[in-house]
């Protein structure tokens, strides 16, 4: 027979899923900001090299 899950179990998995999505979103934003800073630095370095 099909086993029915309790409300507490379903809610706990939902909370875990939402938490994982929030953490993933924060980390992806952090990664994007780091990549933007790296691009900015590399542009500055290229400009300095071209001026020489």
PDB file of N, CA and C in Angstrom:
ATOM      1  N   UNK A   1       0.820  -1.189   0.000  1.00  0.00           N
ATOM      2  CA  UNK A   1       0.000   0.000   0.000  1.00  0.00           C
ATOM      3  C   UNK A   1       0.864   1.254   0.000  1.00  0.00           C
ATOM      4  N   UNK A   2       0.329   2.327  -0.481  1.00  0.00           N
ATOM      5  CA  UNK A   2       1.061   3.591  -0.559  1.00  0.00           C
ATOM      6  C   UNK A   2       1.126   4.218   0.827  1.00  0.00           C
ATOM      7  N   UNK A   3       2.345   4.589   1.193  1.00  0.00           N
ATOM      8  CA  UNK A   3       2.552   5.190   2.493  1.00  0.00           C
ATOM      9  C   UNK A   3       2.336   6.698   2.408  1.00  0.00           C
ATOM     10  N   UNK A   4       1.569   7.261   3.315  1.00  0.00           N
ATOM     11  CA  UNK A   4       1.352   8.702   3.307  1.00  0.00           C
ATOM     12  C   UNK A   4       2.365   9.363   4.234  1.00  0.00           C
ATOM     13  N   UNK A   5       2.914  10.477   3.760  1.00  0.00           N
ATOM     14  CA  UNK A   5       3.907  11.195   4.540  1.00  0.00           C
ATOM     15  C   UNK A   5       3.230  12.178   5.483  1.00  0.00           C
ATOM     16  N   UNK A   6       3.874  12.405   6.610  1.00  0.00           N
ATOM     17  CA  UNK A   6       3.306  13.337   7.578  1.00  0.00           C
ATOM     18  C   UNK A   6       3.579  14.775   7.134  1.00  0.00           C
ATOM     19  N   UNK A   7       2.762  15.677   7.618  1.00  0.00           N
ATOM     20  CA  UNK A   7       2.893  17.100   7.292  1.00  0.00           C
ATOM     21  C   UNK A   7       4.250  17.628   7.757  1.00  0.00           C
ATOM     22  N   UNK A   8       4.699  17.180   8.936  1.00  0.00           N
ATOM     23  CA  UNK A   8       5.985  17.645   9.458  1.00  0.00           C
ATOM     24  C   UNK A   8       7.125  17.256   8.537  1.00  0.00           C
ATOM     25  N   UNK A   9       7.084  16.069   7.986  1.00  0.00           N
ATOM     26  CA  UNK A   9       8.142  15.607   7.098  1.00  0.00           C
ATOM     27  C   UNK A   9       8.140  16.412   5.799  1.00  0.00           C
ATOM     28  N   UNK A  10       6.978  16.655   5.248  1.00  0.00           N
ATOM     29  CA  UNK A  10       6.868  17.441   4.017  1.00  0.00           C
ATOM     30  C   UNK A  10       7.358  18.862   4.250  1.00  0.00           C
ATOM     31  N   UNK A  11       6.975  19.467   5.365  1.00  0.00           N
ATOM     32  CA  UNK A  11       7.407  20.832   5.677  1.00  0.00           C
ATOM     33  C   UNK A  11       8.914  20.910   5.909  1.00  0.00           C
ATOM     34  N   UNK A  12       9.476  19.893   6.553  1.00  0.00           N
ATOM     35  CA  UNK A  12      10.920  19.925   6.794  1.00  0.00           C
ATOM     36  C   UNK A  12      11.687  19.850   5.479  1.00  0.00           C
ATOM     37  N   UNK A  13      11.232  19.022   4.539  1.00  0.00           N
ATOM     38  CA  UNK A  13      11.884  18.960   3.228  1.00  0.00           C
ATOM     39  C   UNK A  13      11.695  20.267   2.458  1.00  0.00           C
ATOM     40  N   UNK A  14      10.536  20.886   2.610  1.00  0.00           N
ATOM     41  CA  UNK A  14      10.298  22.166   1.945  1.00  0.00           C
ATOM     42  C   UNK A  14      11.231  23.241   2.506  1.00  0.00           C
ATOM     43  N   UNK A  15      11.404  23.269   3.809  1.00  0.00           N
ATOM     44  CA  UNK A  15      12.303  24.243   4.431  1.00  0.00           C
ATOM     45  C   UNK A  15      13.740  24.005   3.981  1.00  0.00           C
ATOM     46  N   UNK A  16      14.158  22.746   3.914  1.00  0.00           N
ATOM     47  CA  UNK A  16      15.502  22.434   3.446  1.00  0.00           C
ATOM     48  C   UNK A  16      15.694  22.886   1.995  1.00  0.00           C
ATOM     49  N   UNK A  17      14.705  22.664   1.154  1.00  0.00           N
ATOM     50  CA  UNK A  17      14.788  23.069  -0.243  1.00  0.00           C
ATOM     51  C   UNK A  17      14.870  24.570  -0.404  1.00  0.00           C
ATOM     52  N   UNK A  18      14.043  25.291   0.337  1.00  0.00           N
ATOM     53  CA  UNK A  18      14.061  26.752   0.269  1.00  0.00           C
ATOM     54  C   UNK A  18      15.400  27.287   0.786  1.00  0.00           C
ATOM     55  N   UNK A  19      15.900  26.705   1.836  1.00  0.00           N
ATOM     56  CA  UNK A  19      17.198  27.117   2.370  1.00  0.00           C
ATOM     57  C   UNK A  19      18.318  26.898   1.362  1.00  0.00           C
ATOM     58  N   UNK A  20      18.275  25.766   0.680  1.00  0.00           N
ATOM     59  CA  UNK A  20      19.291  25.478  -0.333  1.00  0.00           C
ATOM     60  C   UNK A  20      19.204  26.482  -1.478  1.00  0.00           C
ATOM     61  N   UNK A  21      18.000  26.839  -1.899  1.00  0.00           N
ATOM     62  CA  UNK A  21      17.845  27.820  -2.970  1.00  0.00           C
ATOM     63  C   UNK A  21      18.362  29.193  -2.560  1.00  0.00           C
ATOM     64  N   UNK A  22      18.117  29.576  -1.328  1.00  0.00           N
ATOM     65  CA  UNK A  22      18.593  30.870  -0.834  1.00  0.00           C
ATOM     66  C   UNK A  22      20.118  30.890  -0.802  1.00  0.00           C
ATOM     67  N   UNK A  23      20.721  29.826  -0.296  1.00  0.00           N
ATOM     68  CA  UNK A  23      22.180  29.751  -0.231  1.00  0.00           C
ATOM     69  C   UNK A  23      22.774  29.776  -1.632  1.00  0.00           C
ATOM     70  N   UNK A  24      22.178  29.044  -2.558  1.00  0.00           N
ATOM     71  CA  UNK A  24      22.655  29.029  -3.940  1.00  0.00           C
ATOM     72  C   UNK A  24      22.566  30.418  -4.558  1.00  0.00           C
ATOM     73  N   UNK A  25      21.484  31.126  -4.305  1.00  0.00           N
ATOM     74  CA  UNK A  25      21.323  32.474  -4.834  1.00  0.00           C
ATOM     75  C   UNK A  25      22.354  33.441  -4.292  1.00  0.00           C
ATOM     76  N   UNK A  26      22.605  33.379  -3.003  1.00  0.00           N
ATOM     77  CA  UNK A  26      23.589  34.269  -2.386  1.00  0.00           C
ATOM     78  C   UNK A  26      24.982  33.967  -2.935  1.00  0.00           C
ATOM     79  N   UNK A  27      25.323  32.696  -3.049  1.00  0.00           N
ATOM     80  CA  UNK A  27      26.641  32.342  -3.566  1.00  0.00           C
ATOM     81  C   UNK A  27      26.813  32.749  -5.022  1.00  0.00           C
ATOM     82  N   UNK A  28      25.772  32.625  -5.825  1.00  0.00           N
ATOM     83  CA  UNK A  28      25.891  33.029  -7.224  1.00  0.00           C
ATOM     84  C   UNK A  28      26.043  34.547  -7.347  1.00  0.00           C
ATOM     85  N   UNK A  29      25.370  35.315  -6.500  1.00  0.00           N
ATOM     86  CA  UNK A  29      25.552  36.767  -6.497  1.00  0.00           C
ATOM     87  C   UNK A  29      26.972  37.138  -6.078  1.00  0.00           C
ATOM     88  N   UNK A  30      27.492  36.448  -5.087  1.00  0.00           N
ATOM     89  CA  UNK A  30      28.855  36.681  -4.614  1.00  0.00           C
ATOM     90  C   UNK A  30      29.859  36.367  -5.717  1.00  0.00           C
ATOM     91  N   UNK A  31      29.624  35.275  -6.420  1.00  0.00           N
ATOM     92  CA  UNK A  31      30.498  34.873  -7.525  1.00  0.00           C
ATOM     93  C   UNK A  31      30.461  35.918  -8.642  1.00  0.00           C
ATOM     94  N   UNK A  32      29.285  36.422  -8.964  1.00  0.00           N
ATOM     95  CA  UNK A  32      29.155  37.434 -10.009  1.00  0.00           C
ATOM     96  C   UNK A  32      29.914  38.706  -9.646  1.00  0.00           C
ATOM     97  N   UNK A  33      29.833  39.121  -8.400  1.00  0.00           N
ATOM     98  CA  UNK A  33      30.533  40.346  -7.996  1.00  0.00           C
ATOM     99  C   UNK A  33      32.046  40.146  -8.066  1.00  0.00           C
ATOM    100  N   UNK A  34      32.534  38.976  -7.719  1.00  0.00           N
ATOM    101  CA  UNK A  34      33.963  38.691  -7.801  1.00  0.00           C
ATOM    102  C   UNK A  34      34.416  38.697  -9.262  1.00  0.00           C
ATOM    103  N   UNK A  35      33.617  38.105 -10.148  1.00  0.00           N
ATOM    104  CA  UNK A  35      33.975  38.089 -11.567  1.00  0.00           C
ATOM    105  C   UNK A  35      34.016  39.498 -12.151  1.00  0.00           C
ATOM    106  N   UNK A  36      33.095  40.365 -11.751  1.00  0.00           N
ATOM    107  CA  UNK A  36      33.096  41.751 -12.231  1.00  0.00           C
ATOM    108  C   UNK A  36      34.353  42.475 -11.773  1.00  0.00           C
ATOM    109  N   UNK A  37      34.757  42.266 -10.518  1.00  0.00           N
ATOM    110  CA  UNK A  37      35.965  42.903 -10.008  1.00  0.00           C
ATOM    111  C   UNK A  37      37.196  42.401 -10.755  1.00  0.00           C
ATOM    112  N   UNK A  38      37.238  41.098 -11.061  1.00  0.00           N
ATOM    113  CA  UNK A  38      38.373  40.541 -11.791  1.00  0.00           C
ATOM    114  C   UNK A  38      38.462  41.129 -13.194  1.00  0.00           C
ATOM    115  N   UNK A  39      37.324  41.301 -13.866  1.00  0.00           N
ATOM    116  CA  UNK A  39      37.324  41.892 -15.204  1.00  0.00           C
ATOM    117  C   UNK A  39      37.818  43.328 -15.159  1.00  0.00           C
ATOM    118  N   UNK A  40      37.388  44.074 -14.140  1.00  0.00           N
ATOM    119  CA  UNK A  40      37.803  45.461 -14.001  1.00  0.00           C
ATOM    120  C   UNK A  40      39.317  45.544 -13.797  1.00  0.00           C
ATOM    121  N   UNK A  41      39.851  44.672 -12.962  1.00  0.00           N
ATOM    122  CA  UNK A  41      41.291  44.656 -12.695  1.00  0.00           C
ATOM    123  C   UNK A  41      42.057  44.271 -13.954  1.00  0.00           C
ATOM    124  N   UNK A  42      41.557  43.281 -14.693  1.00  0.00           N
ATOM    125  CA  UNK A  42      42.267  42.857 -15.902  1.00  0.00           C
ATOM    126  C   UNK A  42      42.262  43.960 -16.957  1.00  0.00           C
ATOM    127  N   UNK A  43      41.189  44.733 -17.039  1.00  0.00           N
ATOM    128  CA  UNK A  43      41.155  45.867 -17.968  1.00  0.00           C
ATOM    129  C   UNK A  43      42.205  46.904 -17.602  1.00  0.00           C
ATOM    130  N   UNK A  44      42.337  47.196 -16.301  1.00  0.00           N
ATOM    131  CA  UNK A  44      43.334  48.155 -15.852  1.00  0.00           C
ATOM    132  C   UNK A  44      44.742  47.677 -16.189  1.00  0.00           C
ATOM    133  N   UNK A  45      44.986  46.404 -15.973  1.00  0.00           N
ATOM    134  CA  UNK A  45      46.304  45.844 -16.252  1.00  0.00           C
ATOM    135  C   UNK A  45      46.597  45.912 -17.746  1.00  0.00           C
ATOM    136  N   UNK A  46      45.628  45.590 -18.590  1.00  0.00           N
ATOM    137  CA  UNK A  46      45.817  45.651 -20.051  1.00  0.00           C
ATOM    138  C   UNK A  46      46.122  47.077 -20.489  1.00  0.00           C
ATOM    139  N   UNK A  47      45.410  48.066 -19.915  1.00  0.00           N
ATOM    140  CA  UNK A  47      45.647  49.470 -20.270  1.00  0.00           C
ATOM    141  C   UNK A  47      47.068  49.883 -19.890  1.00  0.00           C
ATOM    142  N   UNK A  48      47.534  49.445 -18.719  1.00  0.00           N
ATOM    143  CA  UNK A  48      48.888  49.784 -18.282  1.00  0.00           C
ATOM    144  C   UNK A  48      49.917  49.142 -19.204  1.00  0.00           C
ATOM    145  N   UNK A  49      49.694  47.923 -19.621  1.00  0.00           N
ATOM    146  CA  UNK A  49      50.626  47.224 -20.503  1.00  0.00           C
ATOM    147  C   UNK A  49      50.664  47.895 -21.876  1.00  0.00           C
ATOM    148  N   UNK A  50      49.519  48.314 -22.385  1.00  0.00           N
ATOM    149  CA  UNK A  50      49.461  48.950 -23.696  1.00  0.00           C
ATOM    150  C   UNK A  50      50.121  50.329 -23.691  1.00  0.00           C
ATOM    151  N   UNK A  51      50.089  51.036 -22.558  1.00  0.00           N
ATOM    152  CA  UNK A  51      50.689  52.364 -22.463  1.00  0.00           C
ATOM    153  C   UNK A  51      52.214  52.290 -22.504  1.00  0.00           C
ATOM    154  N   UNK A  52      52.779  51.187 -22.059  1.00  0.00           N
ATOM    155  CA  UNK A  52      54.246  51.050 -22.002  1.00  0.00           C
ATOM    156  C   UNK A  52      54.856  50.871 -23.327  1.00  0.00           C
TER     157      UNK A  52
END
